[in-house]
Protein backbone atom coordinates (compact mmCIF):
# COMPACT_ATOMS: atom_id res chain seq x y z
CA MET A 1 0.00 0.00 0.00
CA SER A 2 1.50 3.30 -1.05
CA ASN A 3 2.00 6.10 1.42
CA PRO A 4 -0.51 8.97 1.13
CA THR A 5 0.83 11.97 -0.67
CA VAL A 6 1.49 14.94 1.57
CA SER A 7 0.55 18.20 -0.08
CA PRO A 8 3.30 20.78 0.09
CA VAL A 9 2.81 23.77 2.33
CA ASN A 10 1.57 26.73 0.34
CA SER A 11 4.28 29.32 0.20
CA VAL A 12 4.00 32.93 -0.83
CA SER A 13 6.77 34.36 -2.97
CA PRO A 14 8.54 37.46 -1.69
CA PHE A 15 7.28 39.41 -4.72
CA THR A 16 3.67 38.55 -3.90
CA SER A 17 4.19 39.46 -0.26
CA TYR A 18 5.76 42.79 -1.19
CA THR A 19 2.98 43.55 -3.69
CA ARG A 20 0.27 42.88 -1.10
CA ALA A 21 2.00 45.01 1.52
CA PHE A 22 2.60 47.83 -0.97
CA GLY A 23 -1.02 47.71 -2.10
CA GLY A 24 -2.18 47.73 1.51
CA LEU A 25 -0.21 50.88 2.27
CA LEU A 26 -1.51 52.59 -0.85
CA LEU A 27 -5.13 51.62 -0.16
CA ARG A 28 -4.82 52.84 3.41
CA ASP A 29 -3.54 56.25 2.23
CA LEU A 30 -6.28 56.48 -0.40
CA TYR A 31 -8.91 55.71 2.24
CA VAL A 32 -7.57 58.50 4.44
CA LEU A 33 -7.57 60.86 1.44
CA ARG A 34 -11.20 60.00 0.70
CA ARG A 35 -12.16 60.96 4.24
CA GLU A 36 -10.31 64.28 3.87
CA ILE A 37 -11.41 65.09 0.32
CA GLY A 38 -12.94 68.42 1.36
CA PRO A 39 -9.74 69.99 2.79
CA PHE A 40 -7.79 68.50 -0.12
CA LEU A 41 -10.02 70.20 -2.71
CA ILE A 42 -9.84 73.52 -0.84
CA ARG A 43 -6.04 73.31 -0.72
CA VAL A 44 -5.82 72.50 -4.43
CA CYS A 45 -8.41 74.97 -5.75
CA MET A 46 -8.12 78.09 -3.61
CA ASN A 47 -4.90 79.67 -4.96
CA PRO A 48 -5.54 78.92 -8.68
CA LEU A 49 -9.12 80.15 -8.37
CA LEU A 50 -8.09 83.44 -6.78
CA PHE A 51 -5.31 83.93 -9.31
CA LEU A 52 -7.67 83.25 -12.21
CA PHE A 53 -10.37 85.50 -10.82
CA VAL A 54 -8.03 88.47 -10.37
CA PHE A 55 -5.78 88.19 -13.44
CA THR A 56 -8.12 86.71 -16.03
CA TYR A 57 -11.52 88.02 -14.97
CA ILE A 58 -11.18 91.30 -13.06
CA MET A 59 -8.18 92.85 -14.84
CA PRO A 60 -9.37 92.18 -18.42
CA HIS A 61 -12.50 94.19 -17.59
CA MET A 62 -10.47 97.20 -16.47
CA GLU A 63 -10.25 100.06 -18.92
CA GLY A 64 -6.94 101.48 -20.03
CA ALA A 65 -3.57 99.84 -20.53
CA ALA A 66 -2.28 101.10 -17.20
CA LEU A 67 -5.04 99.24 -15.35
CA ASN A 68 -4.88 96.11 -17.48
CA PRO A 69 -1.40 94.60 -17.16
CA THR A 70 -2.59 91.21 -18.41
CA ALA A 71 -2.85 92.65 -21.91
CA ARG A 72 0.80 93.67 -21.82
CA MET A 73 1.87 90.31 -20.37
CA ALA A 74 0.01 88.42 -23.06
CA ALA A 75 1.32 90.63 -25.86
CA GLY A 76 4.84 89.34 -25.33
CA ALA A 77 3.64 85.76 -25.67
CA GLY A 78 1.50 86.36 -28.75
CA ALA A 79 -1.72 85.23 -27.07
CA ASN A 80 -4.16 86.27 -24.39
CA PHE A 81 -2.91 85.80 -20.85
CA SER A 82 -5.58 83.21 -20.06
CA THR A 83 -4.08 80.87 -22.66
CA VAL A 84 -0.56 81.49 -21.33
CA LEU A 85 -1.71 80.84 -17.78
CA LEU A 86 -3.61 77.58 -18.39
CA PRO A 87 -0.64 75.15 -18.47
CA GLY A 88 1.21 77.09 -15.78
CA LEU A 89 -1.58 76.82 -13.23
CA ILE A 90 -1.91 73.09 -13.87
CA ALA A 91 1.85 72.76 -13.35
CA VAL A 92 1.59 74.63 -10.04
CA ALA A 93 -1.30 72.42 -8.92
CA ILE A 94 0.70 69.29 -9.72
CA MET A 95 3.84 70.54 -8.01
CA PHE A 96 2.25 71.93 -4.85
CA SER A 97 -0.02 68.93 -4.41
CA GLY A 98 2.85 66.47 -4.80
CA ILE A 99 5.19 68.30 -2.44
CA ALA A 100 2.50 68.82 0.21
CA ALA A 101 1.43 65.17 0.02
CA VAL A 102 4.92 63.93 0.91
CA ALA A 103 6.98 66.62 2.62
CA LEU A 104 4.38 67.74 5.18
CA PRO A 105 3.41 64.21 6.38
CA LEU A 106 7.11 63.28 6.61
CA ALA A 107 7.74 66.27 8.85
CA GLN A 108 5.18 64.82 11.25
CA GLU A 109 6.24 61.19 10.89
CA PHE A 110 9.92 61.99 11.46
CA GLY A 111 9.05 64.23 14.40
CA ILE A 112 9.06 63.46 18.08
CA THR A 113 6.36 60.80 17.79
CA ARG A 114 8.35 58.83 15.15
CA GLU A 115 5.18 57.65 13.41
CA ILE A 116 7.35 56.50 10.52
CA ASP A 117 8.41 53.48 12.59
CA ASP A 118 4.91 52.02 12.24
CA ARG A 119 5.13 52.17 8.44
CA VAL A 120 8.57 50.64 8.09
CA MET A 121 7.50 47.65 10.22
CA CYS A 122 5.41 46.35 7.31
CA PRO A 123 7.03 43.53 5.24
CA LEU A 124 8.55 45.87 2.69
CA PRO A 125 12.05 47.20 1.99
CA VAL A 126 12.50 50.70 3.35
CA THR A 127 12.95 52.06 -0.19
CA ALA A 128 9.56 50.60 -1.20
CA VAL A 129 7.89 52.52 1.63
CA ALA A 130 9.41 55.72 0.26
CA LEU A 131 8.29 54.87 -3.28
CA GLU A 132 4.74 54.25 -2.04
CA LYS A 133 4.66 57.82 -0.73
CA VAL A 134 5.79 59.12 -4.13
CA ILE A 135 3.15 57.10 -6.00
CA PHE A 136 0.42 58.18 -3.57
CA SER A 137 1.40 61.81 -4.04
CA ALA A 138 1.37 61.30 -7.82
CA VAL A 139 -2.23 60.11 -7.60
CA GLN A 140 -3.11 63.31 -5.75
CA SER A 141 -1.24 65.44 -8.28
CA ILE A 142 -3.06 63.86 -11.23
CA PHE A 143 -6.36 64.44 -9.46
CA ALA A 144 -5.36 68.05 -8.75
CA ALA A 145 -4.55 68.59 -12.45
CA CYS A 146 -7.97 67.24 -13.43
CA VAL A 147 -9.63 69.61 -10.94
CA VAL A 148 -7.69 72.74 -11.92
CA PHE A 149 -7.98 72.29 -15.71
CA PRO A 150 -11.70 73.14 -16.02
CA MET A 151 -11.20 76.10 -13.67
CA ALA A 152 -8.34 77.48 -15.75
CA TYR A 153 -10.33 76.89 -18.93
CA TYR A 154 -13.77 78.26 -18.01
CA VAL A 155 -13.17 80.96 -15.37
CA PRO A 156 -11.22 83.46 -17.56
CA SER A 157 -13.36 86.06 -19.32
CA THR A 158 -11.20 85.79 -22.45
CA LYS A 159 -11.36 82.62 -24.50
CA VAL A 160 -8.62 80.07 -23.77
CA GLU A 161 -7.06 78.66 -26.94
CA ALA A 162 -6.27 75.09 -25.88
CA HIS A 163 -5.87 72.15 -28.21
CA VAL A 164 -4.38 68.71 -27.47
CA THR A 165 -2.30 67.57 -30.41
CA SER A 166 -1.03 64.35 -28.80
CA TRP A 167 -2.84 62.61 -25.95
CA PRO A 168 0.04 60.13 -25.33
CA PHE A 169 2.44 63.07 -24.88
CA LEU A 170 0.02 64.86 -22.54
CA ILE A 171 -0.47 61.72 -20.43
CA ALA A 172 3.29 61.10 -20.30
CA VAL A 173 3.94 64.68 -19.16
CA VAL A 174 1.25 64.58 -16.46
CA VAL A 175 2.40 61.21 -15.10
CA LEU A 176 6.10 62.13 -15.12
CA ALA A 177 5.37 65.56 -13.62
CA SER A 178 3.25 64.01 -10.86
CA LEU A 179 5.95 61.49 -9.98
CA LEU A 180 8.58 64.23 -10.13
CA SER A 181 6.66 66.46 -7.72
CA GLY A 182 6.34 63.54 -5.30
CA ALA A 183 10.06 62.82 -5.59
CA LEU A 184 10.81 66.48 -4.88
CA GLY A 185 8.55 66.31 -1.84
CA LEU A 186 10.38 63.18 -0.67
CA THR A 187 13.73 64.93 -1.09
CA ILE A 188 12.58 67.99 0.85
CA GLY A 189 10.91 65.92 3.55
CA THR A 190 13.99 63.79 4.20
CA LEU A 191 16.73 66.41 3.90
CA VAL A 192 15.07 69.26 5.79
CA PRO A 193 14.52 69.08 9.58
CA PRO A 194 10.81 68.86 10.48
CA LYS A 195 10.83 72.24 12.23
CA GLN A 196 12.04 73.98 9.06
CA ILE A 197 9.55 72.52 6.56
CA GLY A 198 7.40 75.67 6.69
CA LEU A 199 10.44 77.82 5.93
CA ILE A 200 11.28 75.70 2.88
CA PHE A 201 7.98 76.60 1.21
CA GLY A 202 8.93 80.27 1.34
CA VAL A 203 12.63 79.90 0.56
CA VAL A 204 12.56 77.09 -2.04
CA VAL A 205 9.07 76.27 -3.32
CA MET A 206 7.90 79.82 -4.08
CA PRO A 207 11.10 80.86 -5.92
CA ILE A 208 11.12 77.75 -8.13
CA THR A 209 7.48 78.46 -8.94
CA PHE A 210 8.01 82.06 -10.04
CA LEU A 211 11.16 81.07 -11.95
CA GLY A 212 9.52 77.94 -13.37
CA CYS A 213 7.95 79.45 -16.53
CA VAL A 214 4.53 79.16 -14.91
CA TYR A 215 3.27 82.64 -15.79
CA TYR A 216 5.22 83.03 -19.04
CA PRO A 217 6.72 80.74 -21.72
CA TRP A 218 10.41 79.87 -21.49
CA ILE A 219 11.02 81.53 -24.84
CA ALA A 220 9.86 84.86 -23.36
CA LEU A 221 13.07 84.97 -21.29
CA ARG A 222 15.24 85.39 -24.41
CA PHE A 223 15.80 89.05 -23.46
CA ASN A 224 18.19 87.74 -20.76
CA PRO A 225 20.16 84.67 -21.94
CA VAL A 226 21.79 84.16 -18.53
CA LEU A 227 18.39 83.95 -16.83
CA GLN A 228 16.87 81.93 -19.67
CA TYR A 229 19.46 79.16 -19.41
CA GLY A 230 19.91 79.51 -15.66
CA VAL A 231 16.29 78.48 -14.97
CA LEU A 232 16.91 75.17 -16.76
CA ILE A 233 18.11 73.71 -13.45
CA ASN A 234 14.53 74.18 -12.19
CA PRO A 235 12.45 71.01 -12.76
CA ILE A 236 9.12 72.86 -12.81
CA VAL A 237 10.27 74.58 -16.03
CA TYR A 238 9.93 71.29 -17.88
CA ILE A 239 6.53 70.60 -16.31
CA SER A 240 5.22 73.99 -17.41
CA GLU A 241 6.74 73.71 -20.88
CA GLY A 242 5.52 70.14 -21.28
CA LEU A 243 1.94 71.12 -20.47
CA ARG A 244 2.31 74.18 -22.70
CA ALA A 245 3.46 71.98 -25.59
CA ALA A 246 0.58 69.55 -24.99
CA LEU A 247 -2.28 71.99 -24.32
CA THR A 248 -1.34 75.25 -26.07
CA PRO A 249 0.98 74.18 -28.90
CA ALA A 250 0.41 77.48 -30.73
CA LEU A 251 2.60 79.18 -28.10
CA GLY A 252 6.35 78.86 -28.25
CA HIS A 253 7.65 75.93 -26.22
CA MET A 254 10.63 73.63 -25.80
CA ASN A 255 11.25 70.56 -27.91
CA GLN A 256 8.97 67.74 -26.74
CA GLY A 257 11.73 65.12 -26.73
CA LEU A 258 13.94 67.35 -24.58
CA ILE A 259 11.08 67.92 -22.15
CA LEU A 260 10.46 64.20 -21.63
CA LEU A 261 14.19 63.51 -21.31
CA MET A 262 14.70 66.18 -18.65
CA LEU A 263 11.61 65.09 -16.71
CA CYS A 264 13.03 61.54 -16.59
CA ILE A 265 16.49 62.77 -15.55
CA PHE A 266 15.14 64.95 -12.73
CA LEU A 267 12.81 62.15 -11.61
CA ALA A 268 15.66 59.63 -11.39
CA LEU A 269 17.94 62.13 -9.61
CA LEU A 270 15.36 63.22 -7.03
CA LEU A 271 14.23 59.63 -6.40
CA LYS A 272 17.83 58.64 -5.71
CA ILE A 273 18.41 61.55 -3.33
CA GLY A 274 15.02 61.17 -1.65
CA CYS A 275 15.22 57.39 -1.13
CA ASP A 276 18.76 57.61 0.24
CA GLY A 277 17.68 60.36 2.63
CA PHE A 278 14.61 58.37 3.66
CA ARG A 279 16.73 55.33 4.57
CA ARG A 280 19.12 57.48 6.59
CA ARG A 281 16.30 59.15 8.51
CA VAL A 282 14.61 55.82 9.28
CA ILE A 283 17.80 54.20 10.53
CA SER A 284 18.96 57.21 12.58
């Protein structure tokens, strides 16, 4: 009589275990975001809405060139200012949402309470925990872009000339920009002490926004070659120019291939710096 066959013990591969743990962290963060959707929408919409209302609704109705600076700003770009502003405001929404979704929570988690220790106890490499934060922030940034676009298109009193020539390019720019903003937030959140996070928004985030070709095309800086090429170290320049090339191609913009290349380079660089800093902060 043959011995009964013993079924092998079901084993779970490390990849499957990591995938389940990663998905669990992401679902948990998405659930928390769903509960706080109101404050999230206010944070995303308030600044773009005020900017649009003042510069593209109130000022165009003012009489006289001295009272209507938007006409002069748009004249240099060869279009109305509402069209110039559309991709820039979406870029700002992506960048601010991504940075806030990573840097601000990290300031709390790396603080006195050390809440980050609870996250790194899950069966995942420490780097994967950092990447989950970047991906979660990218989801928020994409959502923010979808929220801000209709505002920037319909609020202005002057018609916005937007036309998508390539949906694959637009999707690639939005996804890369969203991941890049999360990686920048990870870098800021791990390199800057928690008590100084608020200062960083005034010292770093605001300057890179105003020098990020948000309110004007990059080509408009040709009057000052040093400034024009100096701002190329700013990653938000490529986000703004990528959205400008995808949504308002009639305006002057950078080469699309160069935009995608630089977005990938900055993404890889900031992910490397951010993940290394995250590991150091967790271990310390």
